[in-house]
Amino acid sequence: SVFTASPMGWYRQAPGKERELVATITSRTDTRYADSVKGR
């Protein structure tokens, strides 16, 4: 029940760069992406 209700996603970090939020998912149909990865 906690897993199902909790927002999750991915972020990434490369040396010398700020941490970037890549993708989030709050439900199976509610997702959001960074502009740098949209479409990919």
Full PDB file with SEQRES, HELIX, SHEET, SSBOND, CRYST1, ORIGX, SCALE, CONECT and MASTER records, all heavy atoms in Angstrom:
SEQRES   1 A   40  SER VAL PHE THR ALA SER PRO MET GLY TRP TYR ARG GLN          
SEQRES   2 A   40  ALA PRO GLY LYS GLU ARG GLU LEU VAL ALA THR ILE THR          
SEQRES   3 A   40  SER ARG THR ASP THR ARG TYR ALA ASP SER VAL LYS GLY          
SEQRES   4 A   40  ARG                                                          
HELIX    1 AA1 VAL A    2  ALA A    5  1                                   4    
SHEET    1 AA1 3 MET A   8  ARG A  12  0                                        
SHEET    2 AA1 3 GLU A  20  SER A  27 -1                                        
SHEET    3 AA1 3 ASP A  30  TYR A  33 -1                                        
CRYST1    1.000    1.000    1.000  90.00  90.00  90.00 P 1           1          
ORIGX1      1.000000  0.000000  0.000000        0.00000                         
ORIGX2      0.000000  1.000000  0.000000        0.00000                         
ORIGX3      0.000000  0.000000  1.000000        0.00000                         
SCALE1      1.000000  0.000000  0.000000        0.00000                         
SCALE2      0.000000  1.000000  0.000000        0.00000                         
SCALE3      0.000000  0.000000  1.000000        0.00000                         
ATOM      1  N   SER A   1       0.815  -1.202   0.000  1.00  0.00           N  
ATOM      2  CA  SER A   1       0.000   0.000   0.000  1.00  0.00           C  
ATOM      3  C   SER A   1       0.856   1.263   0.000  1.00  0.00           C  
ATOM      4  O   SER A   1       0.510   2.255  -0.647  1.00  0.00           O  
ATOM      5  CB  SER A   1      -0.952   0.006   1.196  1.00  0.00           C  
ATOM      6  OG  SER A   1      -0.239  -0.045   2.421  1.00  0.00           O  
ATOM      7  N   VAL A   2       1.964   1.246   0.715  1.00  0.00           N  
ATOM      8  CA  VAL A   2       2.861   2.392   0.730  1.00  0.00           C  
ATOM      9  C   VAL A   2       3.548   2.551  -0.619  1.00  0.00           C  
ATOM     10  O   VAL A   2       3.652   3.656  -1.158  1.00  0.00           O  
ATOM     11  CB  VAL A   2       3.900   2.256   1.858  1.00  0.00           C  
ATOM     12  CG1 VAL A   2       4.954   3.354   1.757  1.00  0.00           C  
ATOM     13  CG2 VAL A   2       3.214   2.307   3.213  1.00  0.00           C  
ATOM     14  N   PHE A   3       4.031   1.462  -1.167  1.00  0.00           N  
ATOM     15  CA  PHE A   3       4.685   1.516  -2.460  1.00  0.00           C  
ATOM     16  C   PHE A   3       3.740   2.071  -3.523  1.00  0.00           C  
ATOM     17  O   PHE A   3       4.122   2.917  -4.333  1.00  0.00           O  
ATOM     18  CB  PHE A   3       5.183   0.131  -2.859  1.00  0.00           C  
ATOM     19  CG  PHE A   3       5.943   0.114  -4.155  1.00  0.00           C  
ATOM     20  CD1 PHE A   3       7.309   0.348  -4.176  1.00  0.00           C  
ATOM     21  CD2 PHE A   3       5.289  -0.133  -5.353  1.00  0.00           C  
ATOM     22  CE1 PHE A   3       8.013   0.335  -5.362  1.00  0.00           C  
ATOM     23  CE2 PHE A   3       5.984  -0.147  -6.539  1.00  0.00           C  
ATOM     24  CZ  PHE A   3       7.352   0.088  -6.552  1.00  0.00           C  
ATOM     25  N   THR A   4       2.515   1.598  -3.524  1.00  0.00           N  
ATOM     26  CA  THR A   4       1.546   2.012  -4.524  1.00  0.00           C  
ATOM     27  C   THR A   4       1.236   3.505  -4.436  1.00  0.00           C  
ATOM     28  O   THR A   4       1.075   4.169  -5.459  1.00  0.00           O  
ATOM     29  CB  THR A   4       0.251   1.205  -4.384  1.00  0.00           C  
ATOM     30  OG1 THR A   4       0.537  -0.190  -4.542  1.00  0.00           O  
ATOM     31  CG2 THR A   4      -0.772   1.624  -5.421  1.00  0.00           C  
ATOM     32  N   ALA A   5       1.182   4.051  -3.234  1.00  0.00           N  
ATOM     33  CA  ALA A   5       0.747   5.420  -3.024  1.00  0.00           C  
ATOM     34  C   ALA A   5       1.872   6.447  -3.062  1.00  0.00           C  
ATOM     35  O   ALA A   5       1.597   7.651  -3.049  1.00  0.00           O  
ATOM     36  CB  ALA A   5       0.012   5.526  -1.688  1.00  0.00           C  
ATOM     37  N   SER A   6       3.108   6.011  -3.107  1.00  0.00           N  
ATOM     38  CA  SER A   6       4.236   6.919  -2.951  1.00  0.00           C  
ATOM     39  C   SER A   6       4.841   7.312  -4.296  1.00  0.00           C  
ATOM     40  O   SER A   6       5.117   6.445  -5.129  1.00  0.00           O  
ATOM     41  CB  SER A   6       5.317   6.269  -2.090  1.00  0.00           C  
ATOM     42  OG  SER A   6       4.818   5.946  -0.803  1.00  0.00           O  
ATOM     43  N   PRO A   7       5.066   8.608  -4.509  1.00  0.00           N  
ATOM     44  CA  PRO A   7       5.767   9.038  -5.724  1.00  0.00           C  
ATOM     45  C   PRO A   7       7.168   8.448  -5.783  1.00  0.00           C  
ATOM     46  O   PRO A   7       7.862   8.353  -4.768  1.00  0.00           O  
ATOM     47  CB  PRO A   7       5.817  10.568  -5.595  1.00  0.00           C  
ATOM     48  CG  PRO A   7       4.693  10.905  -4.661  1.00  0.00           C  
ATOM     49  CD  PRO A   7       4.638   9.754  -3.694  1.00  0.00           C  
ATOM     50  N   MET A   8       7.577   8.077  -6.961  1.00  0.00           N  
ATOM     51  CA  MET A   8       8.898   7.513  -7.178  1.00  0.00           C  
ATOM     52  C   MET A   8       9.464   8.036  -8.481  1.00  0.00           C  
ATOM     53  O   MET A   8       8.775   8.706  -9.254  1.00  0.00           O  
ATOM     54  CB  MET A   8       8.853   5.977  -7.202  1.00  0.00           C  
ATOM     55  CG  MET A   8       8.346   5.345  -5.922  1.00  0.00           C  
ATOM     56  SD  MET A   8       8.469   3.537  -5.930  1.00  0.00           S  
ATOM     57  CE  MET A   8      10.265   3.333  -5.908  1.00  0.00           C  
ATOM     58  N   GLY A   9      10.724   7.727  -8.721  1.00  0.00           N  
ATOM     59  CA  GLY A   9      11.324   8.142  -9.970  1.00  0.00           C  
ATOM     60  C   GLY A   9      12.820   7.951  -9.972  1.00  0.00           C  
ATOM     61  O   GLY A   9      13.369   7.163  -9.194  1.00  0.00           O  
ATOM     62  N   TRP A  10      13.451   8.693 -10.862  1.00  0.00           N  
ATOM     63  CA  TRP A  10      14.886   8.573 -11.077  1.00  0.00           C  
ATOM     64  C   TRP A  10      15.532   9.938 -11.181  1.00  0.00           C  
ATOM     65  O   TRP A  10      14.954  10.862 -11.757  1.00  0.00           O  
ATOM     66  CB  TRP A  10      15.166   7.803 -12.377  1.00  0.00           C  
ATOM     67  CG  TRP A  10      14.683   6.393 -12.381  1.00  0.00           C  
ATOM     68  CD1 TRP A  10      13.438   5.949 -12.691  1.00  0.00           C  
ATOM     69  CD2 TRP A  10      15.454   5.233 -12.066  1.00  0.00           C  
ATOM     70  NE1 TRP A  10      13.379   4.575 -12.592  1.00  0.00           N  
ATOM     71  CE2 TRP A  10      14.600   4.119 -12.210  1.00  0.00           C  
ATOM     72  CE3 TRP A  10      16.776   5.025 -11.686  1.00  0.00           C  
ATOM     73  CZ2 TRP A  10      15.036   2.806 -11.980  1.00  0.00           C  
ATOM     74  CZ3 TRP A  10      17.214   3.730 -11.455  1.00  0.00           C  
ATOM     75  CH2 TRP A  10      16.349   2.642 -11.605  1.00  0.00           C  
ATOM     76  N   TYR A  11      16.715  10.059 -10.641  1.00  0.00           N  
ATOM     77  CA  TYR A  11      17.540  11.216 -10.906  1.00  0.00           C  
ATOM     78  C   TYR A  11      18.955  10.747 -11.220  1.00  0.00           C  
ATOM     79  O   TYR A  11      19.305   9.585 -11.002  1.00  0.00           O  
ATOM     80  CB  TYR A  11      17.517  12.232  -9.763  1.00  0.00           C  
ATOM     81  CG  TYR A  11      18.064  11.760  -8.435  1.00  0.00           C  
ATOM     82  CD1 TYR A  11      19.405  11.965  -8.117  1.00  0.00           C  
ATOM     83  CD2 TYR A  11      17.239  11.143  -7.495  1.00  0.00           C  
ATOM     84  CE1 TYR A  11      19.915  11.551  -6.901  1.00  0.00           C  
ATOM     85  CE2 TYR A  11      17.744  10.731  -6.274  1.00  0.00           C  
ATOM     86  CZ  TYR A  11      19.071  10.938  -5.978  1.00  0.00           C  
ATOM     87  OH  TYR A  11      19.575  10.526  -4.760  1.00  0.00           O  
ATOM     88  N   ARG A  12      19.749  11.654 -11.749  1.00  0.00           N  
ATOM     89  CA  ARG A  12      21.094  11.288 -12.138  1.00  0.00           C  
ATOM     90  C   ARG A  12      22.058  12.410 -11.790  1.00  0.00           C  
ATOM     91  O   ARG A  12      21.667  13.564 -11.659  1.00  0.00           O  
ATOM     92  CB  ARG A  12      21.163  10.978 -13.637  1.00  0.00           C  
ATOM     93  CG  ARG A  12      20.908  12.178 -14.541  1.00  0.00           C  
ATOM     94  CD  ARG A  12      20.834  11.755 -16.002  1.00  0.00           C  
ATOM     95  NE  ARG A  12      20.620  12.892 -16.888  1.00  0.00           N  
ATOM     96  CZ  ARG A  12      20.417  12.792 -18.192  1.00  0.00           C  
ATOM     97  NH1 ARG A  12      20.392  11.597 -18.779  1.00  0.00           N  
ATOM     98  NH2 ARG A  12      20.227  13.887 -18.923  1.00  0.00           N  
ATOM     99  N   GLN A  13      23.321  12.039 -11.668  1.00  0.00           N  
ATOM    100  CA  GLN A  13      24.350  13.019 -11.387  1.00  0.00           C  
ATOM    101  C   GLN A  13      25.661  12.587 -12.039  1.00  0.00           C  
ATOM    102  O   GLN A  13      26.096  11.452 -11.876  1.00  0.00           O  
ATOM    103  CB  GLN A  13      24.552  13.216  -9.889  1.00  0.00           C  
ATOM    104  CG  GLN A  13      25.463  14.381  -9.547  1.00  0.00           C  
ATOM    105  CD  GLN A  13      25.339  14.801  -8.100  1.00  0.00           C  
ATOM    106  OE1 GLN A  13      25.002  13.999  -7.239  1.00  0.00           O  
ATOM    107  NE2 GLN A  13      25.612  16.065  -7.829  1.00  0.00           N  
ATOM    108  N   ALA A  14      26.248  13.502 -12.760  1.00  0.00           N  
ATOM    109  CA  ALA A  14      27.543  13.296 -13.381  1.00  0.00           C  
ATOM    110  C   ALA A  14      28.558  14.203 -12.707  1.00  0.00           C  
ATOM    111  O   ALA A  14      28.200  15.254 -12.162  1.00  0.00           O  
ATOM    112  CB  ALA A  14      27.476  13.587 -14.880  1.00  0.00           C  
ATOM    113  N   PRO A  15      29.833  13.830 -12.720  1.00  0.00           N  
ATOM    114  CA  PRO A  15      30.858  14.675 -12.108  1.00  0.00           C  
ATOM    115  C   PRO A  15      30.834  16.089 -12.665  1.00  0.00           C  
ATOM    116  O   PRO A  15      30.787  16.293 -13.880  1.00  0.00           O  
ATOM    117  CB  PRO A  15      32.167  13.959 -12.457  1.00  0.00           C  
ATOM    118  CG  PRO A  15      31.773  12.534 -12.643  1.00  0.00           C  
ATOM    119  CD  PRO A  15      30.410  12.593 -13.268  1.00  0.00           C  
ATOM    120  N   GLY A  16      30.863  17.072 -11.768  1.00  0.00           N  
ATOM    121  CA  GLY A  16      30.874  18.458 -12.179  1.00  0.00           C  
ATOM    122  C   GLY A  16      29.530  19.020 -12.590  1.00  0.00           C  
ATOM    123  O   GLY A  16      29.462  20.187 -12.990  1.00  0.00           O  
ATOM    124  N   LYS A  17      28.487  18.238 -12.502  1.00  0.00           N  
ATOM    125  CA  LYS A  17      27.161  18.687 -12.890  1.00  0.00           C  
ATOM    126  C   LYS A  17      26.208  18.586 -11.709  1.00  0.00           C  
ATOM    127  O   LYS A  17      26.398  17.774 -10.802  1.00  0.00           O  
ATOM    128  CB  LYS A  17      26.617  17.864 -14.055  1.00  0.00           C  
ATOM    129  CG  LYS A  17      27.442  17.949 -15.322  1.00  0.00           C  
ATOM    130  CD  LYS A  17      26.871  17.077 -16.428  1.00  0.00           C  
ATOM    131  CE  LYS A  17      25.501  17.544 -16.861  1.00  0.00           C  
ATOM    132  NZ  LYS A  17      24.967  16.730 -17.990  1.00  0.00           N  
ATOM    133  N   GLU A  18      25.198  19.430 -11.743  1.00  0.00           N  
ATOM    134  CA  GLU A  18      24.182  19.376 -10.706  1.00  0.00           C  
ATOM    135  C   GLU A  18      23.313  18.138 -10.880  1.00  0.00           C  
ATOM    136  O   GLU A  18      23.147  17.614 -11.977  1.00  0.00           O  
ATOM    137  CB  GLU A  18      23.303  20.635 -10.751  1.00  0.00           C  
ATOM    138  CG  GLU A  18      24.034  21.919 -10.429  1.00  0.00           C  
ATOM    139  CD  GLU A  18      23.109  23.116 -10.417  1.00  0.00           C  
ATOM    140  OE1 GLU A  18      21.909  22.950 -10.717  1.00  0.00           O  
ATOM    141  OE2 GLU A  18      23.581  24.215 -10.102  1.00  0.00           O  
ATOM    142  N   ARG A  19      22.768  17.681  -9.762  1.00  0.00           N  
ATOM    143  CA  ARG A  19      21.858  16.562  -9.822  1.00  0.00           C  
ATOM    144  C   ARG A  19      20.634  16.933 -10.640  1.00  0.00           C  
ATOM    145  O   ARG A  19      20.079  18.023 -10.491  1.00  0.00           O  
ATOM    146  CB  ARG A  19      21.446  16.135  -8.413  1.00  0.00           C  
ATOM    147  CG  ARG A  19      20.654  14.847  -8.367  1.00  0.00           C  
ATOM    148  CD  ARG A  19      20.302  14.475  -6.943  1.00  0.00           C  
ATOM    149  NE  ARG A  19      19.367  15.407  -6.357  1.00  0.00           N  
ATOM    150  CZ  ARG A  19      18.881  15.309  -5.118  1.00  0.00           C  
ATOM    151  NH1 ARG A  19      19.281  14.314  -4.342  1.00  0.00           N  
ATOM    152  NH2 ARG A  19      18.033  16.205  -4.666  1.00  0.00           N  
ATOM    153  N   GLU A  20      20.212  16.042 -11.490  1.00  0.00           N  
ATOM    154  CA  GLU A  20      19.105  16.288 -12.393  1.00  0.00           C  
ATOM    155  C   GLU A  20      18.003  15.270 -12.157  1.00  0.00           C  
ATOM    156  O   GLU A  20      18.253  14.062 -12.187  1.00  0.00           O  
ATOM    157  CB  GLU A  20      19.564  16.231 -13.857  1.00  0.00           C  
ATOM    158  CG  GLU A  20      18.449  16.451 -14.870  1.00  0.00           C  
ATOM    159  CD  GLU A  20      18.912  16.292 -16.299  1.00  0.00           C  
ATOM    160  OE1 GLU A  20      19.936  15.618 -16.531  1.00  0.00           O  
ATOM    161  OE2 GLU A  20      18.257  16.852 -17.205  1.00  0.00           O  
ATOM    162  N   LEU A  21      16.811  15.756 -11.954  1.00  0.00           N  
ATOM    163  CA  LEU A  21      15.661  14.877 -11.858  1.00  0.00           C  
ATOM    164  C   LEU A  21      15.278  14.446 -13.266  1.00  0.00           C  
ATOM    165  O   LEU A  21      14.918  15.274 -14.107  1.00  0.00           O  
ATOM    166  CB  LEU A  21      14.495  15.584 -11.172  1.00  0.00           C  
ATOM    167  CG  LEU A  21      13.226  14.763 -10.960  1.00  0.00           C  
ATOM    168  CD1 LEU A  21      13.494  13.558 -10.070  1.00  0.00           C  
ATOM    169  CD2 LEU A  21      12.129  15.632 -10.359  1.00  0.00           C  
ATOM    170  N   VAL A  22      15.333  13.155 -13.514  1.00  0.00           N  
ATOM    171  CA  VAL A  22      15.135  12.622 -14.853  1.00  0.00           C  
ATOM    172  C   VAL A  22      13.673  12.311 -15.122  1.00  0.00           C  
ATOM    173  O   VAL A  22      13.130  12.673 -16.168  1.00  0.00           O  
ATOM    174  CB  VAL A  22      16.000  11.365 -15.067  1.00  0.00           C  
ATOM    175  CG1 VAL A  22      15.703  10.730 -16.423  1.00  0.00           C  
ATOM    176  CG2 VAL A  22      17.472  11.723 -14.955  1.00  0.00           C  
ATOM    177  N   ALA A  23      13.035  11.618 -14.194  1.00  0.00           N  
ATOM    178  CA  ALA A  23      11.669  11.172 -14.410  1.00  0.00           C  
ATOM    179  C   ALA A  23      10.993  10.911 -13.082  1.00  0.00           C  
ATOM    180  O   ALA A  23      11.636  10.476 -12.126  1.00  0.00           O  
ATOM    181  CB  ALA A  23      11.633   9.906 -15.265  1.00  0.00           C  
ATOM    182  N   THR A  24       9.700  11.183 -13.031  1.00  0.00           N  
ATOM    183  CA  THR A  24       8.902  10.882 -11.857  1.00  0.00           C  
ATOM    184  C   THR A  24       7.648  10.136 -12.285  1.00  0.00           C  
ATOM    185  O   THR A  24       7.166  10.293 -13.411  1.00  0.00           O  
ATOM    186  CB  THR A  24       8.500  12.145 -11.077  1.00  0.00           C  
ATOM    187  OG1 THR A  24       7.711  12.998 -11.919  1.00  0.00           O  
ATOM    188  CG2 THR A  24       9.737  12.909 -10.610  1.00  0.00           C  
ATOM    189  N   ILE A  25       7.134   9.347 -11.362  1.00  0.00           N  
ATOM    190  CA  ILE A  25       5.889   8.635 -11.608  1.00  0.00           C  
ATOM    191  C   ILE A  25       5.088   8.619 -10.315  1.00  0.00           C  
ATOM    192  O   ILE A  25       5.567   8.155  -9.283  1.00  0.00           O  
ATOM    193  CB  ILE A  25       6.144   7.214 -12.154  1.00  0.00           C  
ATOM    194  CG1 ILE A  25       4.816   6.500 -12.417  1.00  0.00           C  
ATOM    195  CG2 ILE A  25       7.054   6.405 -11.235  1.00  0.00           C  
ATOM    196  CD1 ILE A  25       4.980   5.232 -13.249  1.00  0.00           C  
ATOM    197  N   THR A  26       3.894   9.172 -10.383  1.00  0.00           N  
ATOM    198  CA  THR A  26       3.007   9.191  -9.236  1.00  0.00           C  
ATOM    199  C   THR A  26       1.882   8.178  -9.371  1.00  0.00           C  
ATOM    200  O   THR A  26       1.218   7.858  -8.395  1.00  0.00           O  
ATOM    201  CB  THR A  26       2.416  10.593  -9.020  1.00  0.00           C  
ATOM    202  OG1 THR A  26       1.740  11.019 -10.213  1.00  0.00           O  
ATOM    203  CG2 THR A  26       3.525  11.589  -8.701  1.00  0.00           C  
ATOM    204  N   SER A  27       1.658   7.697 -10.570  1.00  0.00           N  
ATOM    205  CA  SER A  27       0.747   6.609 -10.861  1.00  0.00           C  
ATOM    206  C   SER A  27       1.185   6.013 -12.186  1.00  0.00           C  
ATOM    207  O   SER A  27       2.096   6.529 -12.838  1.00  0.00           O  
ATOM    208  CB  SER A  27      -0.710   7.077 -10.912  1.00  0.00           C  
ATOM    209  OG  SER A  27      -0.948   7.863 -12.058  1.00  0.00           O  
ATOM    210  N   ARG A  28       0.518   4.945 -12.579  1.00  0.00           N  
ATOM    211  CA  ARG A  28       0.911   4.304 -13.827  1.00  0.00           C  
ATOM    212  C   ARG A  28       0.725   5.200 -15.037  1.00  0.00           C  
ATOM    213  O   ARG A  28       1.380   4.989 -16.064  1.00  0.00           O  
ATOM    214  CB  ARG A  28       0.140   2.995 -14.012  1.00  0.00           C  
ATOM    215  CG  ARG A  28       0.580   1.875 -13.085  1.00  0.00           C  
ATOM    216  CD  ARG A  28      -0.197   0.609 -13.361  1.00  0.00           C  
ATOM    217  NE  ARG A  28      -1.605   0.762 -13.023  1.00  0.00           N  
ATOM    218  CZ  ARG A  28      -2.537  -0.149 -13.271  1.00  0.00           C  
ATOM    219  NH1 ARG A  28      -2.203  -1.284 -13.869  1.00  0.00           N  
ATOM    220  NH2 ARG A  28      -3.792   0.066 -12.927  1.00  0.00           N  
ATOM    221  N   THR A  29      -0.132   6.194 -14.937  1.00  0.00           N  
ATOM    222  CA  THR A  29      -0.403   7.079 -16.065  1.00  0.00           C  
ATOM    223  C   THR A  29       0.053   8.510 -15.846  1.00  0.00           C  
ATOM    224  O   THR A  29      -0.105   9.341 -16.739  1.00  0.00           O  
ATOM    225  CB  THR A  29      -1.899   7.076 -16.400  1.00  0.00           C  
ATOM    226  OG1 THR A  29      -2.650   7.501 -15.257  1.00  0.00           O  
ATOM    227  CG2 THR A  29      -2.354   5.676 -16.798  1.00  0.00           C  
ATOM    228  N   ASP A  30       0.590   8.824 -14.694  1.00  0.00           N  
ATOM    229  CA  ASP A  30       1.019  10.178 -14.363  1.00  0.00           C  
ATOM    230  C   ASP A  30       2.536  10.188 -14.264  1.00  0.00           C  
ATOM    231  O   ASP A  30       3.100   9.792 -13.243  1.00  0.00           O  
ATOM    232  CB  ASP A  30       0.378  10.644 -13.058  1.00  0.00           C  
ATOM    233  CG  ASP A  30       0.649  12.110 -12.770  1.00  0.00           C  
ATOM    234  OD1 ASP A  30       1.330  12.775 -13.573  1.00  0.00           O  
ATOM    235  OD2 ASP A  30       0.158  12.599 -11.723  1.00  0.00           O  
ATOM    236  N   THR A  31       3.174  10.645 -15.319  1.00  0.00           N  
ATOM    237  CA  THR A  31       4.631  10.679 -15.378  1.00  0.00           C  
ATOM    238  C   THR A  31       5.112  12.043 -15.818  1.00  0.00           C  
ATOM    239  O   THR A  31       4.380  12.810 -16.452  1.00  0.00           O  
ATOM    240  CB  THR A  31       5.177   9.607 -16.341  1.00  0.00           C  
ATOM    241  OG1 THR A  31       4.635   9.832 -17.655  1.00  0.00           O  
ATOM    242  CG2 THR A  31       4.788   8.213 -15.868  1.00  0.00           C  
ATOM    243  N   ARG A  32       6.351  12.341 -15.495  1.00  0.00           N  
ATOM    244  CA  ARG A  32       6.949  13.620 -15.858  1.00  0.00           C  
ATOM    245  C   ARG A  32       8.424  13.382 -16.158  1.00  0.00           C  
ATOM    246  O   ARG A  32       9.084  12.584 -15.492  1.00  0.00           O  
ATOM    247  CB  ARG A  32       6.770  14.642 -14.726  1.00  0.00           C  
ATOM    248  CG  ARG A  32       7.362  16.003 -14.987  1.00  0.00           C  
ATOM    249  CD  ARG A  32       6.850  17.001 -13.953  1.00  0.00           C  
ATOM    250  NE  ARG A  32       7.174  16.601 -12.594  1.00  0.00           N  
ATOM    251  CZ  ARG A  32       8.292  16.935 -11.961  1.00  0.00           C  
ATOM    252  NH1 ARG A  32       9.197  17.682 -12.578  1.00  0.00           N  
ATOM    253  NH2 ARG A  32       8.497  16.539 -10.719  1.00  0.00           N  
ATOM    254  N   TYR A  33       8.929  14.131 -17.150  1.00  0.00           N  
ATOM    255  CA  TYR A  33      10.296  13.925 -17.602  1.00  0.00           C  
ATOM    256  C   TYR A  33      11.035  15.240 -17.736  1.00  0.00           C  
ATOM    257  O   TYR A  33      10.445  16.277 -18.042  1.00  0.00           O  
ATOM    258  CB  TYR A  33      10.315  13.219 -18.961  1.00  0.00           C  
ATOM    259  CG  TYR A  33       9.652  11.867 -18.964  1.00  0.00           C  
ATOM    260  CD1 TYR A  33       8.309  11.723 -19.293  1.00  0.00           C  
ATOM    261  CD2 TYR A  33      10.379  10.723 -18.631  1.00  0.00           C  
ATOM    262  CE1 TYR A  33       7.703  10.476 -19.290  1.00  0.00           C  
ATOM    263  CE2 TYR A  33       9.778   9.481 -18.626  1.00  0.00           C  
ATOM    264  CZ  TYR A  33       8.441   9.360 -18.955  1.00  0.00           C  
ATOM    265  OH  TYR A  33       7.849   8.125 -18.949  1.00  0.00           O  
ATOM    266  N   ALA A  34      12.341  15.177 -17.525  1.00  0.00           N  
ATOM    267  CA  ALA A  34      13.181  16.312 -17.824  1.00  0.00           C  
ATOM    268  C   ALA A  34      13.197  16.549 -19.327  1.00  0.00           C  
ATOM    269  O   ALA A  34      13.090  15.611 -20.126  1.00  0.00           O  
ATOM    270  CB  ALA A  34      14.603  16.074 -17.314  1.00  0.00           C  
ATOM    271  N   ASP A  35      13.333  17.813 -19.717  1.00  0.00           N  
ATOM    272  CA  ASP A  35      13.348  18.132 -21.138  1.00  0.00           C  
ATOM    273  C   ASP A  35      14.455  17.390 -21.880  1.00  0.00           C  
ATOM    274  O   ASP A  35      14.298  17.030 -23.048  1.00  0.00           O  
ATOM    275  CB  ASP A  35      13.520  19.636 -21.341  1.00  0.00           C  
ATOM    276  CG  ASP A  35      12.295  20.431 -20.940  1.00  0.00           C  
ATOM    277  OD1 ASP A  35      11.201  19.846 -20.874  1.00  0.00           O  
ATOM    278  OD2 ASP A  35      12.430  21.644 -20.705  1.00  0.00           O  
ATOM    279  N   SER A  36      15.554  17.138 -21.206  1.00  0.00           N  
ATOM    280  CA  SER A  36      16.696  16.512 -21.847  1.00  0.00           C  
ATOM    281  C   SER A  36      16.452  15.062 -22.241  1.00  0.00           C  
ATOM    282  O   SER A  36      17.195  14.517 -23.062  1.00  0.00           O  
ATOM    283  CB  SER A  36      17.924  16.592 -20.933  1.00  0.00           C  
ATOM    284  OG  SER A  36      17.667  15.969 -19.690  1.00  0.00           O  
ATOM    285  N   VAL A  37      15.428  14.423 -21.675  1.00  0.00           N  
ATOM    286  CA  VAL A  37      15.191  13.007 -21.953  1.00  0.00           C  
ATOM    287  C   VAL A  37      13.816  12.742 -22.549  1.00  0.00           C  
ATOM    288  O   VAL A  37      13.507  11.584 -22.873  1.00  0.00           O  
ATOM    289  CB  VAL A  37      15.374  12.144 -20.686  1.00  0.00           C  
ATOM    290  CG1 VAL A  37      16.734  12.398 -20.065  1.00  0.00           C  
ATOM    291  CG2 VAL A  37      14.263  12.404 -19.678  1.00  0.00           C  
ATOM    292  N   LYS A  38      13.005  13.762 -22.708  1.00  0.00           N  
ATOM    293  CA  LYS A  38      11.668  13.566 -23.265  1.00  0.00           C  
ATOM    294  C   LYS A  38      11.736  12.927 -24.643  1.00  0.00           C  
ATOM    295  O   LYS A  38      12.536  13.321 -25.484  1.00  0.00           O  
ATOM    296  CB  LYS A  38      10.919  14.897 -23.345  1.00  0.00           C  
ATOM    297  CG  LYS A  38      10.427  15.419 -22.014  1.00  0.00           C  
ATOM    298  CD  LYS A  38       9.669  16.732 -22.182  1.00  0.00           C  
ATOM    299  CE  LYS A  38       9.156  17.249 -20.856  1.00  0.00           C  
ATOM    300  NZ  LYS A  38       8.468  18.561 -20.996  1.00  0.00           N  
ATOM    301  N   GLY A  39      10.893  11.945 -24.843  1.00  0.00           N  
ATOM    302  CA  GLY A  39      10.864  11.238 -26.109  1.00  0.00           C  
ATOM    303  C   GLY A  39      11.841  10.097 -26.195  1.00  0.00           C  
ATOM    304  O   GLY A  39      11.760   9.290 -27.138  1.00  0.00           O  
ATOM    305  N   ARG A  40      12.761  10.001 -25.252  1.00  0.00           N  
ATOM    306  CA  ARG A  40      13.770   8.947 -25.271  1.00  0.00           C  
ATOM    307  C   ARG A  40      13.647   7.996 -24.078  1.00  0.00           C  
ATOM    308  O   ARG A  40      13.927   6.808 -24.212  1.00  0.00           O  
ATOM    309  CB  ARG A  40      15.178   9.545 -25.289  1.00  0.00           C  
ATOM    310  CG  ARG A  40      15.450  10.426 -26.500  1.00  0.00           C  
ATOM    311  CD  ARG A  40      16.920  10.829 -26.575  1.00  0.00           C  
ATOM    312  NE  ARG A  40      17.329  11.626 -25.421  1.00  0.00           N  
ATOM    313  CZ  ARG A  40      18.275  11.261 -24.558  1.00  0.00           C  
ATOM    314  NH1 ARG A  40      18.929  10.116 -24.727  1.00  0.00           N  
ATOM    315  NH2 ARG A  40      18.594  12.053 -23.539  1.00  0.00           N  
TER     316      ARG A  40                                                      
MASTER        0    0    0    1    3    0    0    6  315    1    0    4          
END                                                                             
